[in-house]
Every structure is written in C-alpha cells, then in structure tokens.
C-alpha atoms as a PDB file:
ATOM      1  CA  MET A   1     -93.388  86.289 -35.105  1.00  0.00           C
ATOM      2  CA  ASP A   2     -92.113  83.374 -37.083  1.00  0.00           C
ATOM      3  CA  LEU A   3     -92.388  82.875 -40.845  1.00  0.00           C
ATOM      4  CA  THR A   4     -95.527  80.730 -40.595  1.00  0.00           C
ATOM      5  CA  GLY A   5     -97.327  83.357 -38.507  1.00  0.00           C
ATOM      6  CA  LEU A   6     -96.349  86.065 -40.986  1.00  0.00           C
ATOM      7  CA  ILE A   7     -97.635  84.043 -43.933  1.00  0.00           C
ATOM      8  CA  ILE A   8    -100.929  83.346 -42.132  1.00  0.00           C
ATOM      9  CA  LEU A   9    -101.276  87.056 -41.312  1.00  0.00           C
ATOM     10  CA  LEU A  10    -100.717  88.018 -44.951  1.00  0.00           C
ATOM     11  CA  VAL A  11    -103.140  85.377 -46.281  1.00  0.00           C
ATOM     12  CA  ILE A  12    -105.888  86.338 -43.821  1.00  0.00           C
ATOM     13  CA  GLY A  13    -105.285  90.011 -44.626  1.00  0.00           C
ATOM     14  CA  ALA A  14    -105.501  89.356 -48.360  1.00  0.00           C
ATOM     15  CA  VAL A  15    -108.699  87.306 -48.064  1.00  0.00           C
ATOM     16  CA  ALA A  16    -110.368  89.766 -45.686  1.00  0.00           C
ATOM     17  CA  GLY A  17    -109.344  92.767 -47.812  1.00  0.00           C
ATOM     18  CA  TRP A  18    -110.653  91.116 -50.965  1.00  0.00           C
ATOM     19  CA  LEU A  19    -113.950  90.180 -49.298  1.00  0.00           C
ATOM     20  CA  ALA A  20    -114.425  93.674 -47.881  1.00  0.00           C
ATOM     21  CA  GLY A  21    -113.528  95.283 -51.205  1.00  0.00           C
ATOM     22  CA  THR A  22    -116.018  93.043 -52.964  1.00  0.00           C
ATOM     23  CA  LEU A  23    -118.756  93.785 -50.427  1.00  0.00           C
ATOM     24  CA  MET A  24    -118.208  97.538 -50.252  1.00  0.00           C
ATOM     25  CA  LYS A  25    -117.140  98.575 -53.735  1.00  0.00           C
ATOM     26  CA  GLY A  26    -117.837  95.588 -55.928  1.00  0.00           C
ATOM     27  CA  ARG A  27    -114.151  94.852 -56.602  1.00  0.00           C
ATOM     28  CA  GLY A  28    -110.858  94.221 -54.848  1.00  0.00           C
ATOM     29  CA  PHE A  29    -107.856  96.532 -54.558  1.00  0.00           C
ATOM     30  CA  GLY A  30    -105.084  94.321 -55.895  1.00  0.00           C
ATOM     31  CA  LEU A  31    -102.994  91.978 -53.798  1.00  0.00           C
ATOM     32  CA  LEU A  32    -101.021  94.562 -51.825  1.00  0.00           C
ATOM     33  CA  GLY A  33    -104.045  96.824 -51.267  1.00  0.00           C
ATOM     34  CA  ASN A  34    -106.142  93.875 -50.081  1.00  0.00           C
ATOM     35  CA  ILE A  35    -103.438  92.821 -47.635  1.00  0.00           C
ATOM     36  CA  VAL A  36    -103.134  96.325 -46.160  1.00  0.00           C
ATOM     37  CA  VAL A  37    -106.909  96.816 -45.907  1.00  0.00           C
ATOM     38  CA  GLY A  38    -107.307  93.340 -44.390  1.00  0.00           C
ATOM     39  CA  ILE A  39    -104.576  93.787 -41.767  1.00  0.00           C
ATOM     40  CA  VAL A  40    -105.818  97.227 -40.696  1.00  0.00           C
ATOM     41  CA  GLY A  41    -109.355  95.811 -40.764  1.00  0.00           C
ATOM     42  CA  ALA A  42    -108.281  92.958 -38.493  1.00  0.00           C
ATOM     43  CA  VAL A  43    -107.096  95.471 -35.910  1.00  0.00           C
ATOM     44  CA  ILE A  44    -110.333  97.479 -36.175  1.00  0.00           C
ATOM     45  CA  GLY A  45    -112.491  94.347 -36.153  1.00  0.00           C
ATOM     46  CA  GLY A  46    -110.649  92.954 -33.149  1.00  0.00           C
ATOM     47  CA  PHE A  47    -111.215  96.191 -31.248  1.00  0.00           C
ATOM     48  CA  VAL A  48    -114.916  96.361 -32.155  1.00  0.00           C
ATOM     49  CA  PHE A  49    -115.560  92.685 -31.414  1.00  0.00           C
ATOM     50  CA  SER A  50    -113.766  92.861 -28.059  1.00  0.00           C
ATOM     51  CA  PHE A  51    -115.755  95.996 -27.192  1.00  0.00           C
ATOM     52  CA  LEU A  52    -118.947  94.052 -27.899  1.00  0.00           C
ATOM     53  CA  GLY A  53    -117.706  91.026 -25.945  1.00  0.00           C
ATOM     54  CA  ILE A  54    -117.484  88.765 -29.003  1.00  0.00           C
ATOM     55  CA  THR A  55    -114.543  86.404 -29.369  1.00  0.00           C
ATOM     56  CA  ALA A  56    -113.519  84.931 -32.708  1.00  0.00           C
ATOM     57  CA  GLY A  57    -112.040  81.453 -32.707  1.00  0.00           C
ATOM     58  CA  GLY A  58    -110.238  79.651 -35.485  1.00  0.00           C
ATOM     59  CA  ILE A  59    -109.262  80.776 -38.944  1.00  0.00           C
ATOM     60  CA  ILE A  60    -112.845  81.417 -40.085  1.00  0.00           C
ATOM     61  CA  GLY A  61    -113.473  83.608 -37.036  1.00  0.00           C
ATOM     62  CA  LEU A  62    -110.317  85.585 -37.763  1.00  0.00           C
ATOM     63  CA  ILE A  63    -111.341  86.087 -41.388  1.00  0.00           C
ATOM     64  CA  VAL A  64    -114.828  87.220 -40.320  1.00  0.00           C
ATOM     65  CA  THR A  65    -113.371  89.639 -37.769  1.00  0.00           C
ATOM     66  CA  ALA A  66    -110.892  91.055 -40.273  1.00  0.00           C
ATOM     67  CA  THR A  67    -113.536  91.324 -43.004  1.00  0.00           C
ATOM     68  CA  VAL A  68    -115.977  93.188 -40.742  1.00  0.00           C
ATOM     69  CA  GLY A  69    -113.208  95.542 -39.648  1.00  0.00           C
ATOM     70  CA  ALA A  70    -112.047  96.093 -43.229  1.00  0.00           C
ATOM     71  CA  ALA A  71    -115.607  96.819 -44.353  1.00  0.00           C
ATOM     72  CA  LEU A  72    -115.914  99.372 -41.523  1.00  0.00           C
ATOM     73  CA  LEU A  73    -112.615 100.905 -42.615  1.00  0.00           C
ATOM     74  CA  LEU A  74    -113.777 101.190 -46.233  1.00  0.00           C
ATOM     75  CA  PHE A  75    -117.112 102.653 -45.100  1.00  0.00           C
ATOM     76  CA  ILE A  76    -115.371 105.325 -43.022  1.00  0.00           C
ATOM     77  CA  ILE A  77    -112.998 106.108 -45.901  1.00  0.00           C
ATOM     78  CA  SER A  78    -115.949 106.503 -48.290  1.00  0.00           C
ATOM     79  CA  ILE A  79    -117.642 108.942 -45.886  1.00  0.00           C
ATOM     80  CA  ILE A  80    -114.445 110.977 -45.561  1.00  0.00           C
ATOM     81  CA  LYS A  81    -113.934 111.068 -49.342  1.00  0.00           C
ATOM     82  CA  LYS A  82    -117.484 112.404 -49.876  1.00  0.00           C
ATOM     83  CA  ALA A  83    -117.015 115.217 -47.350  1.00  0.00           C
END
C-alpha cells in the first residue's frame, strides 16, 4: 500500500467512525478512536455487504459500507457491555 492509499484508508476510517459514533451514541470517539472503529467497521461492512451481494463503488460507497459496519460493531459492543 502506498502513502496515498494509506491516507485514504485513514480518512475514510475517521469519517465512518465519526458517523457511526454520532448515529449510535450521539458523539464521536476522538480522532484515533474514530479511525479504529471506522477501519474495523469497513471490514465488517465489507463482509456483510458481500454476503448480501451488494457492491459499493466509489468513495461514497466505501464510506457507507464502513459506516454501516462500524454501526454494527458499536451495536454489538453495546450489547456485550450490557450483559
């Protein structure tokens, strides 16, 4: 992965993590937390979308995929924390 790809990955992760944090908890998790949640969410979202046969194209599609995955991640974490 080159430097440009890494920067794009970090920006998409930060945006997706912030969006998911805003949707699920009403706030973000700070820059580093948003990046981590967004990147892990991108992996989860990619798996779920491919399982459903949905392909995401372009930057907006990647952000949507990562945000959905990050929201799922935060939802699962909230269930585990309550148990």
